């Protein structure tokens, strides 16, 4: 199964390690994770920096999305057969 992260970006749900709320958790650890991943070229910015709401961590790349972590979590756990 796949998860739409915004702006035509889709990833396999099995590749997702974490979905982090960057609006309510502006910790130094999260900021360092984003900064280091950006330096290493492992960040894909799906939206502009001012509208970033979530960080999606995968084994290959990290994504900054303007879709909230709660919405992404609901999409990831939605039962398509319900």
C-alpha atoms as a PDB file:
ATOM      1  CA  UNK A   1       0.000   0.000   0.000  1.00  0.00           C
ATOM      2  CA  UNK A   2       1.040   3.577  -0.592  1.00  0.00           C
ATOM      3  CA  UNK A   3       0.624   6.880   1.230  1.00  0.00           C
ATOM      4  CA  UNK A   4       0.157  10.236  -0.512  1.00  0.00           C
ATOM      5  CA  UNK A   5       2.316  12.865   1.240  1.00  0.00           C
ATOM      6  CA  UNK A   6       1.252  15.866  -0.842  1.00  0.00           C
ATOM      7  CA  UNK A   7       2.263  17.481  -4.134  1.00  0.00           C
ATOM      8  CA  UNK A   8       2.174  14.220  -6.088  1.00  0.00           C
ATOM      9  CA  UNK A   9       4.623  12.455  -3.741  1.00  0.00           C
ATOM     10  CA  UNK A  10       3.697   8.880  -2.853  1.00  0.00           C
ATOM     11  CA  UNK A  11       5.700   6.428  -0.726  1.00  0.00           C
ATOM     12  CA  UNK A  12       5.195   2.818   0.266  1.00  0.00           C
ATOM     13  CA  UNK A  13       3.684   2.589   3.733  1.00  0.00           C
ATOM     14  CA  UNK A  14       6.113  -0.220   4.546  1.00  0.00           C
ATOM     15  CA  UNK A  15       9.039   2.195   3.949  1.00  0.00           C
ATOM     16  CA  UNK A  16       7.803   4.709   6.546  1.00  0.00           C
ATOM     17  CA  UNK A  17       9.732   4.644   9.808  1.00  0.00           C
ATOM     18  CA  UNK A  18       8.079   7.638  11.495  1.00  0.00           C
ATOM     19  CA  UNK A  19       5.645  10.485  10.949  1.00  0.00           C
ATOM     20  CA  UNK A  20       6.657  13.396  13.169  1.00  0.00           C
ATOM     21  CA  UNK A  21       4.561  16.451  14.000  1.00  0.00           C
ATOM     22  CA  UNK A  22       6.998  19.349  13.533  1.00  0.00           C
ATOM     23  CA  UNK A  23       4.475  22.046  14.489  1.00  0.00           C
ATOM     24  CA  UNK A  24       3.978  20.903  18.081  1.00  0.00           C
ATOM     25  CA  UNK A  25       7.347  19.257  18.636  1.00  0.00           C
ATOM     26  CA  UNK A  26       9.951  21.873  17.767  1.00  0.00           C
ATOM     27  CA  UNK A  27      12.640  20.164  19.822  1.00  0.00           C
ATOM     28  CA  UNK A  28      16.350  20.517  19.254  1.00  0.00           C
ATOM     29  CA  UNK A  29      16.473  16.817  18.375  1.00  0.00           C
ATOM     30  CA  UNK A  30      13.927  17.239  15.579  1.00  0.00           C
ATOM     31  CA  UNK A  31      15.627  20.401  14.350  1.00  0.00           C
ATOM     32  CA  UNK A  32      18.999  18.610  14.306  1.00  0.00           C
ATOM     33  CA  UNK A  33      17.505  15.621  12.475  1.00  0.00           C
ATOM     34  CA  UNK A  34      16.078  17.902   9.788  1.00  0.00           C
ATOM     35  CA  UNK A  35      19.290  19.953   9.524  1.00  0.00           C
ATOM     36  CA  UNK A  36      21.573  16.907   9.229  1.00  0.00           C
ATOM     37  CA  UNK A  37      19.298  15.163   6.724  1.00  0.00           C
ATOM     38  CA  UNK A  38      19.202  18.373   4.673  1.00  0.00           C
ATOM     39  CA  UNK A  39      23.002  18.646   4.688  1.00  0.00           C
ATOM     40  CA  UNK A  40      23.267  15.000   3.583  1.00  0.00           C
ATOM     41  CA  UNK A  41      20.772  15.600   0.782  1.00  0.00           C
ATOM     42  CA  UNK A  42      18.200  13.251   2.295  1.00  0.00           C
ATOM     43  CA  UNK A  43      15.369  15.781   2.659  1.00  0.00           C
ATOM     44  CA  UNK A  44      12.687  16.254   0.039  1.00  0.00           C
ATOM     45  CA  UNK A  45      10.728  19.439   0.692  1.00  0.00           C
ATOM     46  CA  UNK A  46       7.194  18.864  -0.524  1.00  0.00           C
ATOM     47  CA  UNK A  47       5.994  22.303   0.579  1.00  0.00           C
ATOM     48  CA  UNK A  48       7.577  25.643   1.354  1.00  0.00           C
ATOM     49  CA  UNK A  49       9.307  25.983   4.725  1.00  0.00           C
ATOM     50  CA  UNK A  50       6.598  28.167   6.254  1.00  0.00           C
ATOM     51  CA  UNK A  51       3.852  25.562   5.790  1.00  0.00           C
ATOM     52  CA  UNK A  52       5.722  22.469   6.989  1.00  0.00           C
ATOM     53  CA  UNK A  53       3.582  20.456   9.378  1.00  0.00           C
ATOM     54  CA  UNK A  54       5.145  17.008   9.378  1.00  0.00           C
ATOM     55  CA  UNK A  55       8.354  15.094   8.797  1.00  0.00           C
ATOM     56  CA  UNK A  56       8.041  11.663   7.242  1.00  0.00           C
ATOM     57  CA  UNK A  57      11.114   9.501   7.843  1.00  0.00           C
ATOM     58  CA  UNK A  58      11.852   6.591   5.503  1.00  0.00           C
ATOM     59  CA  UNK A  59      14.918   4.434   5.136  1.00  0.00           C
ATOM     60  CA  UNK A  60      16.000   6.235   1.953  1.00  0.00           C
ATOM     61  CA  UNK A  61      14.727   9.795   2.202  1.00  0.00           C
ATOM     62  CA  UNK A  62      12.924  12.150   4.559  1.00  0.00           C
ATOM     63  CA  UNK A  63      10.018  14.332   3.480  1.00  0.00           C
ATOM     64  CA  UNK A  64       8.778  17.661   4.825  1.00  0.00           C
ATOM     65  CA  UNK A  65       5.056  17.926   4.133  1.00  0.00           C
ATOM     66  CA  UNK A  66       2.361  20.557   4.567  1.00  0.00           C
ATOM     67  CA  UNK A  67      -0.104  17.824   5.542  1.00  0.00           C
ATOM     68  CA  UNK A  68      -0.472  17.347   9.284  1.00  0.00           C
ATOM     69  CA  UNK A  69       0.904  14.244  10.947  1.00  0.00           C
ATOM     70  CA  UNK A  70      -2.595  13.400  12.237  1.00  0.00           C
ATOM     71  CA  UNK A  71      -4.025  13.418   8.702  1.00  0.00           C
ATOM     72  CA  UNK A  72      -1.140  11.332   7.366  1.00  0.00           C
ATOM     73  CA  UNK A  73      -1.564   8.878  10.254  1.00  0.00           C
ATOM     74  CA  UNK A  74      -5.282   8.532   9.492  1.00  0.00           C
ATOM     75  CA  UNK A  75      -4.553   7.990   5.795  1.00  0.00           C
ATOM     76  CA  UNK A  76      -1.914   5.373   6.604  1.00  0.00           C
ATOM     77  CA  UNK A  77      -4.239   3.445   8.890  1.00  0.00           C
ATOM     78  CA  UNK A  78      -7.420   3.755   6.863  1.00  0.00           C
ATOM     79  CA  UNK A  79      -9.007   0.439   6.058  1.00  0.00           C
ATOM     80  CA  UNK A  80      -9.749   0.546   2.346  1.00  0.00           C
ATOM     81  CA  UNK A  81     -12.204  -2.348   2.641  1.00  0.00           C
ATOM     82  CA  UNK A  82     -14.424  -0.747   5.290  1.00  0.00           C
END
